[in-house]
Amino acid sequence: MRDTPEFEIVAYEPSPIGMICLRRRESSSEPSGFVTEITLDHRFLMSSAVTDSERALAFHALTMRGGRGLQVLVGGLGLGYTAREALRSERVARVDVVEFLPPVIDWLARGLVPLAAELTADPRFAAIEGDVYHRLATPPARCYDVILIDVDNSPDEQLGDANASFYTEEGLTLAKRHLADAGVLGVWSYADSATFERALRRVFREVRVEPVHFENGVVGETETNWLFFARG
């Protein structure tokens, strides 16, 4: 029988969508010496031990975009791996992260998440408290070369009812206004969604759906996440 890992509760706070918890446990396999996880109302959201698809979201979108001096918008800070992957590219000039949950912004400022020091030390990085879906539904103040969304579990399973409109043809048409010419939209999901793919194809000239297979050491299984990319 596998031993149940002993987690240290680092923070446990109310948020607009429920009780959010930051916890961690020691791990010799992690560079930081521990695994950090986030749960929402005791439901698992993310782990620093499993970041393949988050990193792939940024990597593939930047590969599709090309060019230099790129402006990137990330919806959802989480543990910061999507933003960090974007910042690894010398072609990126700016990464704006919009995070809906105030505690997550606070954890970053207090250095409680593994990548906090690295992210906040990069002058190209900015974390902004706000609702990325509301932002994308309103007229743009500026346009981005790459927009990455990693907020909901999937297009068909949102963390909040108000998020649903983004995944429709109408919502995507509004979001498209925030992309510069040849800009790329990337969306993370734990599951495939034919409905969302159809909506993307009705709005964008080019659409790619990329499965990301990885070993999840936390549960001891091979898993697949899905990345949706759209351009033009």
C-alpha atoms as a PDB file:
ATOM      1  CA  MET A   1       0.000   0.000   0.000  1.00  0.00           C
ATOM      2  CA  ARG A   2       1.333   3.436  -0.939  1.00  0.00           C
ATOM      3  CA  ASP A   3       1.964   5.764   1.994  1.00  0.00           C
ATOM      4  CA  THR A   4      -0.231   8.851   2.106  1.00  0.00           C
ATOM      5  CA  PRO A   5       1.999  11.922   1.668  1.00  0.00           C
ATOM      6  CA  GLU A   6       2.131  14.288   4.626  1.00  0.00           C
ATOM      7  CA  PHE A   7       1.357  17.785   3.390  1.00  0.00           C
ATOM      8  CA  GLU A   8       2.157  21.017   5.153  1.00  0.00           C
ATOM      9  CA  ILE A   9      -0.649  23.559   4.778  1.00  0.00           C
ATOM     10  CA  VAL A  10       1.119  26.778   3.788  1.00  0.00           C
ATOM     11  CA  ALA A  11      -2.038  28.873   3.313  1.00  0.00           C
ATOM     12  CA  TYR A  12      -5.779  28.221   3.464  1.00  0.00           C
ATOM     13  CA  GLU A  13      -7.926  31.192   2.513  1.00  0.00           C
ATOM     14  CA  PRO A  14     -11.353  32.132   1.174  1.00  0.00           C
ATOM     15  CA  SER A  15     -11.607  33.254  -2.442  1.00  0.00           C
ATOM     16  CA  PRO A  16     -14.445  34.386  -4.726  1.00  0.00           C
ATOM     17  CA  ILE A  17     -14.960  30.763  -5.861  1.00  0.00           C
ATOM     18  CA  GLY A  18     -14.269  28.820  -2.658  1.00  0.00           C
ATOM     19  CA  MET A  19     -11.625  27.923  -0.103  1.00  0.00           C
ATOM     20  CA  ILE A  20      -8.233  27.782  -1.777  1.00  0.00           C
ATOM     21  CA  CYS A  21      -5.335  25.923  -0.209  1.00  0.00           C
ATOM     22  CA  LEU A  22      -1.595  26.041  -0.855  1.00  0.00           C
ATOM     23  CA  ARG A  23       0.156  22.956   0.476  1.00  0.00           C
ATOM     24  CA  ARG A  24       3.515  21.255   0.064  1.00  0.00           C
ATOM     25  CA  ARG A  25       5.464  18.141   0.990  1.00  0.00           C
ATOM     26  CA  GLU A  26       9.102  17.181   0.873  1.00  0.00           C
ATOM     27  CA  SER A  27      10.350  15.522  -2.332  1.00  0.00           C
ATOM     28  CA  SER A  28      13.912  14.570  -3.194  1.00  0.00           C
ATOM     29  CA  SER A  29      13.021  14.493  -6.896  1.00  0.00           C
ATOM     30  CA  GLU A  30      12.158  18.198  -7.076  1.00  0.00           C
ATOM     31  CA  PRO A  31      14.882  20.891  -7.448  1.00  0.00           C
ATOM     32  CA  SER A  32      13.227  22.955  -4.723  1.00  0.00           C
ATOM     33  CA  GLY A  33      13.174  19.993  -2.359  1.00  0.00           C
ATOM     34  CA  PHE A  34       9.372  19.908  -2.119  1.00  0.00           C
ATOM     35  CA  VAL A  35       6.208  19.536  -4.185  1.00  0.00           C
ATOM     36  CA  THR A  36       3.722  22.404  -4.049  1.00  0.00           C
ATOM     37  CA  GLU A  37       0.029  21.943  -4.800  1.00  0.00           C
ATOM     38  CA  ILE A  38      -3.115  24.055  -4.954  1.00  0.00           C
ATOM     39  CA  THR A  39      -6.580  22.760  -4.096  1.00  0.00           C
ATOM     40  CA  LEU A  40      -9.975  24.466  -4.303  1.00  0.00           C
ATOM     41  CA  ASP A  41     -12.625  23.348  -1.814  1.00  0.00           C
ATOM     42  CA  HIS A  42     -10.415  20.275  -1.239  1.00  0.00           C
ATOM     43  CA  ARG A  43     -10.421  19.441  -4.977  1.00  0.00           C
ATOM     44  CA  PHE A  44      -6.996  19.091  -6.568  1.00  0.00           C
ATOM     45  CA  LEU A  45      -6.117  21.835  -9.071  1.00  0.00           C
ATOM     46  CA  MET A  46      -2.396  21.695  -9.811  1.00  0.00           C
ATOM     47  CA  SER A  47       1.003  20.439  -8.687  1.00  0.00           C
ATOM     48  CA  SER A  48       4.584  21.550  -9.231  1.00  0.00           C
ATOM     49  CA  ALA A  49       5.396  17.874  -9.860  1.00  0.00           C
ATOM     50  CA  VAL A  50       3.262  17.796 -13.033  1.00  0.00           C
ATOM     51  CA  THR A  51       3.850  20.797 -15.309  1.00  0.00           C
ATOM     52  CA  ASP A  52       4.384  19.282 -18.766  1.00  0.00           C
ATOM     53  CA  SER A  53       1.217  20.572 -20.399  1.00  0.00           C
ATOM     54  CA  GLU A  54       1.400  24.036 -18.816  1.00  0.00           C
ATOM     55  CA  ARG A  55       4.909  24.505 -20.181  1.00  0.00           C
ATOM     56  CA  ALA A  56       3.912  23.059 -23.557  1.00  0.00           C
ATOM     57  CA  LEU A  57       1.081  25.592 -23.813  1.00  0.00           C
ATOM     58  CA  ALA A  58       3.548  28.489 -23.874  1.00  0.00           C
ATOM     59  CA  PHE A  59       6.239  26.696 -25.884  1.00  0.00           C
ATOM     60  CA  HIS A  60       3.989  25.653 -28.780  1.00  0.00           C
ATOM     61  CA  ALA A  61       2.187  28.993 -28.968  1.00  0.00           C
ATOM     62  CA  LEU A  62       5.479  30.890 -29.174  1.00  0.00           C
ATOM     63  CA  THR A  63       6.740  28.466 -31.818  1.00  0.00           C
ATOM     64  CA  MET A  64       3.644  29.194 -33.902  1.00  0.00           C
ATOM     65  CA  ARG A  65       3.981  32.975 -33.529  1.00  0.00           C
ATOM     66  CA  GLY A  66       7.616  33.633 -34.430  1.00  0.00           C
ATOM     67  CA  GLY A  67       9.105  37.128 -34.402  1.00  0.00           C
ATOM     68  CA  ARG A  68      10.731  39.153 -31.623  1.00  0.00           C
ATOM     69  CA  GLY A  69       9.623  41.682 -29.018  1.00  0.00           C
ATOM     70  CA  LEU A  70       6.558  39.554 -28.342  1.00  0.00           C
ATOM     71  CA  GLN A  71       3.823  40.686 -25.962  1.00  0.00           C
ATOM     72  CA  VAL A  72       2.230  37.778 -24.067  1.00  0.00           C
ATOM     73  CA  LEU A  73      -0.952  37.685 -21.977  1.00  0.00           C
ATOM     74  CA  VAL A  74      -1.470  34.734 -19.614  1.00  0.00           C
ATOM     75  CA  GLY A  75      -4.850  34.083 -18.059  1.00  0.00           C
ATOM     76  CA  GLY A  76      -4.289  32.294 -14.759  1.00  0.00           C
ATOM     77  CA  LEU A  77      -1.099  32.445 -12.698  1.00  0.00           C
ATOM     78  CA  GLY A  78      -1.414  29.161 -10.854  1.00  0.00           C
ATOM     79  CA  LEU A  79       2.063  28.061  -9.805  1.00  0.00           C
ATOM     80  CA  GLY A  80       3.642  30.160 -12.564  1.00  0.00           C
ATOM     81  CA  TYR A  81       4.959  27.500 -14.951  1.00  0.00           C
ATOM     82  CA  THR A  82       3.182  28.805 -18.055  1.00  0.00           C
ATOM     83  CA  ALA A  83       4.488  32.325 -17.434  1.00  0.00           C
ATOM     84  CA  ARG A  84       8.010  31.049 -16.673  1.00  0.00           C
ATOM     85  CA  GLU A  85       8.089  29.060 -19.923  1.00  0.00           C
ATOM     86  CA  ALA A  86       7.137  32.185 -21.895  1.00  0.00           C
ATOM     87  CA  LEU A  87       9.833  34.215 -20.129  1.00  0.00           C
ATOM     88  CA  ARG A  88      12.448  31.619 -21.061  1.00  0.00           C
ATOM     89  CA  SER A  89      12.205  32.845 -24.661  1.00  0.00           C
ATOM     90  CA  GLU A  90      14.482  35.757 -25.534  1.00  0.00           C
ATOM     91  CA  ARG A  91      11.919  36.714 -28.160  1.00  0.00           C
ATOM     92  CA  VAL A  92       9.423  37.702 -25.444  1.00  0.00           C
ATOM     93  CA  ALA A  93       9.466  41.338 -24.342  1.00  0.00           C
ATOM     94  CA  ARG A  94       6.591  41.274 -21.843  1.00  0.00           C
ATOM     95  CA  VAL A  95       4.401  38.771 -19.977  1.00  0.00           C
ATOM     96  CA  ASP A  96       1.241  40.095 -18.317  1.00  0.00           C
ATOM     97  CA  VAL A  97      -0.477  37.538 -16.075  1.00  0.00           C
ATOM     98  CA  VAL A  98      -4.101  38.159 -15.093  1.00  0.00           C
ATOM     99  CA  GLU A  99      -5.109  36.174 -11.995  1.00  0.00           C
ATOM    100  CA  PHE A 100      -8.659  36.154 -10.648  1.00  0.00           C
ATOM    101  CA  LEU A 101      -7.918  34.902  -7.111  1.00  0.00           C
ATOM    102  CA  PRO A 102      -6.415  37.486  -4.722  1.00  0.00           C
ATOM    103  CA  PRO A 103      -4.748  34.839  -2.503  1.00  0.00           C
ATOM    104  CA  VAL A 104      -2.714  33.537  -5.452  1.00  0.00           C
ATOM    105  CA  ILE A 105      -1.385  37.034  -6.165  1.00  0.00           C
ATOM    106  CA  ASP A 106      -0.554  37.361  -2.465  1.00  0.00           C
ATOM    107  CA  TRP A 107       1.288  34.008  -2.398  1.00  0.00           C
ATOM    108  CA  LEU A 108       3.458  35.197  -5.262  1.00  0.00           C
ATOM    109  CA  ALA A 109       4.244  38.492  -3.522  1.00  0.00           C
ATOM    110  CA  ARG A 110       5.122  36.661  -0.289  1.00  0.00           C
ATOM    111  CA  GLY A 111       7.366  34.162  -2.057  1.00  0.00           C
ATOM    112  CA  LEU A 112       5.271  31.148  -1.104  1.00  0.00           C
ATOM    113  CA  VAL A 113       5.154  29.522  -4.550  1.00  0.00           C
ATOM    114  CA  PRO A 114       8.257  27.810  -6.007  1.00  0.00           C
ATOM    115  CA  LEU A 115       8.838  30.230  -8.899  1.00  0.00           C
ATOM    116  CA  ALA A 116       8.061  33.454  -7.022  1.00  0.00           C
ATOM    117  CA  ALA A 117      11.634  34.768  -6.790  1.00  0.00           C
ATOM    118  CA  GLU A 118      12.403  33.958 -10.428  1.00  0.00           C
ATOM    119  CA  LEU A 119       9.226  35.503 -11.796  1.00  0.00           C
ATOM    120  CA  THR A 120       9.226  38.684  -9.728  1.00  0.00           C
ATOM    121  CA  ALA A 121      12.905  39.308 -10.488  1.00  0.00           C
ATOM    122  CA  ASP A 122      12.217  39.416 -14.238  1.00  0.00           C
ATOM    123  CA  PRO A 123      11.407  42.998 -15.347  1.00  0.00           C
ATOM    124  CA  ARG A 124       9.351  41.611 -18.232  1.00  0.00           C
ATOM    125  CA  PHE A 125       6.852  40.014 -15.823  1.00  0.00           C
ATOM    126  CA  ALA A 126       3.740  41.602 -14.309  1.00  0.00           C
ATOM    127  CA  ALA A 127       1.002  39.948 -12.240  1.00  0.00           C
ATOM    128  CA  ILE A 128      -2.373  41.690 -12.333  1.00  0.00           C
ATOM    129  CA  GLU A 129      -5.410  40.846 -10.237  1.00  0.00           C
ATOM    130  CA  GLY A 130      -8.478  40.608 -12.461  1.00  0.00           C
ATOM    131  CA  ASP A 131     -10.829  38.505 -14.556  1.00  0.00           C
ATOM    132  CA  VAL A 132      -9.167  37.584 -17.842  1.00  0.00           C
ATOM    133  CA  TYR A 133     -12.493  36.530 -19.381  1.00  0.00           C
ATOM    134  CA  HIS A 134     -14.033  39.924 -18.629  1.00  0.00           C
ATOM    135  CA  ARG A 135     -10.928  41.591 -20.039  1.00  0.00           C
ATOM    136  CA  LEU A 136     -11.151  39.612 -23.292  1.00  0.00           C
ATOM    137  CA  ALA A 137     -14.865  40.393 -23.656  1.00  0.00           C
ATOM    138  CA  THR A 138     -14.287  44.151 -23.548  1.00  0.00           C
ATOM    139  CA  PRO A 139     -12.585  46.384 -26.143  1.00  0.00           C
ATOM    140  CA  PRO A 140      -8.793  45.975 -26.013  1.00  0.00           C
ATOM    141  CA  ALA A 141      -6.552  48.614 -24.500  1.00  0.00           C
ATOM    142  CA  ARG A 142      -3.611  46.852 -26.148  1.00  0.00           C
ATOM    143  CA  CYS A 143      -3.075  43.829 -28.375  1.00  0.00           C
ATOM    144  CA  TYR A 144      -0.930  40.788 -27.674  1.00  0.00           C
ATOM    145  CA  ASP A 145       1.046  38.485 -29.922  1.00  0.00           C
ATOM    146  CA  VAL A 146       0.186  35.475 -27.768  1.00  0.00           C
ATOM    147  CA  ILE A 147      -2.724  34.917 -25.384  1.00  0.00           C
ATOM    148  CA  LEU A 148      -2.593  31.828 -23.155  1.00  0.00           C
ATOM    149  CA  ILE A 149      -5.577  30.686 -21.084  1.00  0.00           C
ATOM    150  CA  ASP A 150      -5.061  28.193 -18.254  1.00  0.00           C
ATOM    151  CA  VAL A 151      -7.919  28.818 -15.853  1.00  0.00           C
ATOM    152  CA  ASP A 152     -10.711  26.250 -16.167  1.00  0.00           C
ATOM    153  CA  ASN A 153     -10.560  22.467 -16.011  1.00  0.00           C
ATOM    154  CA  SER A 154     -11.793  22.325 -19.604  1.00  0.00           C
ATOM    155  CA  PRO A 155     -14.003  24.293 -22.040  1.00  0.00           C
ATOM    156  CA  ASP A 156     -16.889  22.107 -20.856  1.00  0.00           C
ATOM    157  CA  GLU A 157     -16.079  22.271 -17.121  1.00  0.00           C
ATOM    158  CA  GLN A 158     -15.450  25.809 -15.937  1.00  0.00           C
ATOM    159  CA  LEU A 159     -14.572  26.910 -12.411  1.00  0.00           C
ATOM    160  CA  GLY A 160     -17.236  29.614 -12.662  1.00  0.00           C
ATOM    161  CA  ASP A 161     -20.451  29.907 -14.694  1.00  0.00           C
ATOM    162  CA  ALA A 162     -19.466  33.355 -15.953  1.00  0.00           C
ATOM    163  CA  ASN A 163     -16.513  31.845 -17.824  1.00  0.00           C
ATOM    164  CA  ALA A 164     -18.660  29.811 -20.224  1.00  0.00           C
ATOM    165  CA  SER A 165     -19.243  32.574 -22.779  1.00  0.00           C
ATOM    166  CA  PHE A 166     -15.520  32.730 -23.656  1.00  0.00           C
ATOM    167  CA  TYR A 167     -15.690  29.241 -25.180  1.00  0.00           C
ATOM    168  CA  THR A 168     -18.474  30.144 -27.614  1.00  0.00           C
ATOM    169  CA  GLU A 169     -18.154  31.549 -31.126  1.00  0.00           C
ATOM    170  CA  GLU A 170     -19.288  34.953 -29.828  1.00  0.00           C
ATOM    171  CA  GLY A 171     -16.808  34.950 -26.954  1.00  0.00           C
ATOM    172  CA  LEU A 172     -13.912  33.917 -29.166  1.00  0.00           C
ATOM    173  CA  THR A 173     -14.783  36.628 -31.675  1.00  0.00           C
ATOM    174  CA  LEU A 174     -14.521  39.213 -28.891  1.00  0.00           C
ATOM    175  CA  ALA A 175     -11.263  37.713 -27.610  1.00  0.00           C
ATOM    176  CA  LYS A 176      -9.752  37.710 -31.099  1.00  0.00           C
ATOM    177  CA  ARG A 177      -9.771  41.530 -31.063  1.00  0.00           C
ATOM    178  CA  HIS A 178      -7.043  41.372 -28.395  1.00  0.00           C
ATOM    179  CA  LEU A 179      -4.638  39.552 -30.737  1.00  0.00           C
ATOM    180  CA  ALA A 180      -2.155  41.383 -32.938  1.00  0.00           C
ATOM    181  CA  ASP A 181      -1.829  40.375 -36.594  1.00  0.00           C
ATOM    182  CA  ALA A 182      -0.859  36.685 -36.821  1.00  0.00           C
ATOM    183  CA  GLY A 183      -1.357  36.429 -33.054  1.00  0.00           C
ATOM    184  CA  VAL A 184      -1.893  33.041 -31.419  1.00  0.00           C
ATOM    185  CA  LEU A 185      -4.485  32.005 -28.855  1.00  0.00           C
ATOM    186  CA  GLY A 186      -3.660  28.963 -26.713  1.00  0.00           C
ATOM    187  CA  VAL A 187      -6.076  27.274 -24.294  1.00  0.00           C
ATOM    188  CA  TRP A 188      -5.265  24.503 -21.781  1.00  0.00           C
ATOM    189  CA  SER A 189      -7.712  21.709 -20.972  1.00  0.00           C
ATOM    190  CA  TYR A 190      -7.602  18.423 -19.098  1.00  0.00           C
ATOM    191  CA  ALA A 191      -9.948  16.913 -21.716  1.00  0.00           C
ATOM    192  CA  ASP A 192     -10.704  17.151 -25.412  1.00  0.00           C
ATOM    193  CA  SER A 193     -13.703  19.209 -26.512  1.00  0.00           C
ATOM    194  CA  ALA A 194     -15.177  18.838 -29.989  1.00  0.00           C
ATOM    195  CA  THR A 195     -17.650  21.643 -29.282  1.00  0.00           C
ATOM    196  CA  PHE A 196     -14.883  24.109 -28.449  1.00  0.00           C
ATOM    197  CA  GLU A 197     -12.814  23.031 -31.441  1.00  0.00           C
ATOM    198  CA  ARG A 198     -15.774  23.705 -33.747  1.00  0.00           C
ATOM    199  CA  ALA A 199     -16.219  27.171 -32.241  1.00  0.00           C
ATOM    200  CA  LEU A 200     -12.516  27.918 -32.777  1.00  0.00           C
ATOM    201  CA  ARG A 201     -12.699  26.827 -36.415  1.00  0.00           C
ATOM    202  CA  ARG A 202     -15.638  29.138 -37.056  1.00  0.00           C
ATOM    203  CA  VAL A 203     -13.658  32.130 -35.756  1.00  0.00           C
ATOM    204  CA  PHE A 204     -10.005  31.464 -36.667  1.00  0.00           C
ATOM    205  CA  ARG A 205      -8.277  30.636 -39.940  1.00  0.00           C
ATOM    206  CA  GLU A 206      -5.910  28.042 -38.432  1.00  0.00           C
ATOM    207  CA  VAL A 207      -6.646  25.701 -35.513  1.00  0.00           C
ATOM    208  CA  ARG A 208      -4.437  23.026 -33.953  1.00  0.00           C
ATOM    209  CA  VAL A 209      -5.344  20.594 -31.176  1.00  0.00           C
ATOM    210  CA  GLU A 210      -2.341  19.047 -29.441  1.00  0.00           C
ATOM    211  CA  PRO A 211      -2.590  16.206 -26.901  1.00  0.00           C
ATOM    212  CA  VAL A 212       0.193  16.176 -24.308  1.00  0.00           C
ATOM    213  CA  HIS A 213       0.940  12.759 -22.793  1.00  0.00           C
ATOM    214  CA  PHE A 214       2.956  12.617 -19.574  1.00  0.00           C
ATOM    215  CA  GLU A 215       3.707  10.444 -16.577  1.00  0.00           C
ATOM    216  CA  ASN A 216       1.882  11.696 -13.498  1.00  0.00           C
ATOM    217  CA  GLY A 217       4.090  10.541 -10.647  1.00  0.00           C
ATOM    218  CA  VAL A 218       1.569  11.821  -8.101  1.00  0.00           C
ATOM    219  CA  VAL A 219      -0.977   9.156  -9.085  1.00  0.00           C
ATOM    220  CA  GLY A 220       1.377   6.751 -10.843  1.00  0.00           C
ATOM    221  CA  GLU A 221      -0.412   6.867 -14.203  1.00  0.00           C
ATOM    222  CA  THR A 222       0.058   8.158 -17.751  1.00  0.00           C
ATOM    223  CA  GLU A 223      -2.272  11.074 -18.398  1.00  0.00           C
ATOM    224  CA  THR A 224      -3.219  13.281 -21.329  1.00  0.00           C
ATOM    225  CA  ASN A 225      -4.049  16.979 -21.347  1.00  0.00           C
ATOM    226  CA  TRP A 226      -5.233  18.899 -24.404  1.00  0.00           C
ATOM    227  CA  LEU A 227      -3.994  22.166 -25.853  1.00  0.00           C
ATOM    228  CA  PHE A 228      -6.045  24.210 -28.321  1.00  0.00           C
ATOM    229  CA  PHE A 229      -4.239  26.731 -30.549  1.00  0.00           C
ATOM    230  CA  ALA A 230      -5.776  29.207 -32.991  1.00  0.00           C
ATOM    231  CA  ARG A 231      -4.390  31.873 -35.305  1.00  0.00           C
ATOM    232  CA  GLY A 232      -5.644  34.338 -37.889  1.00  0.00           C
END
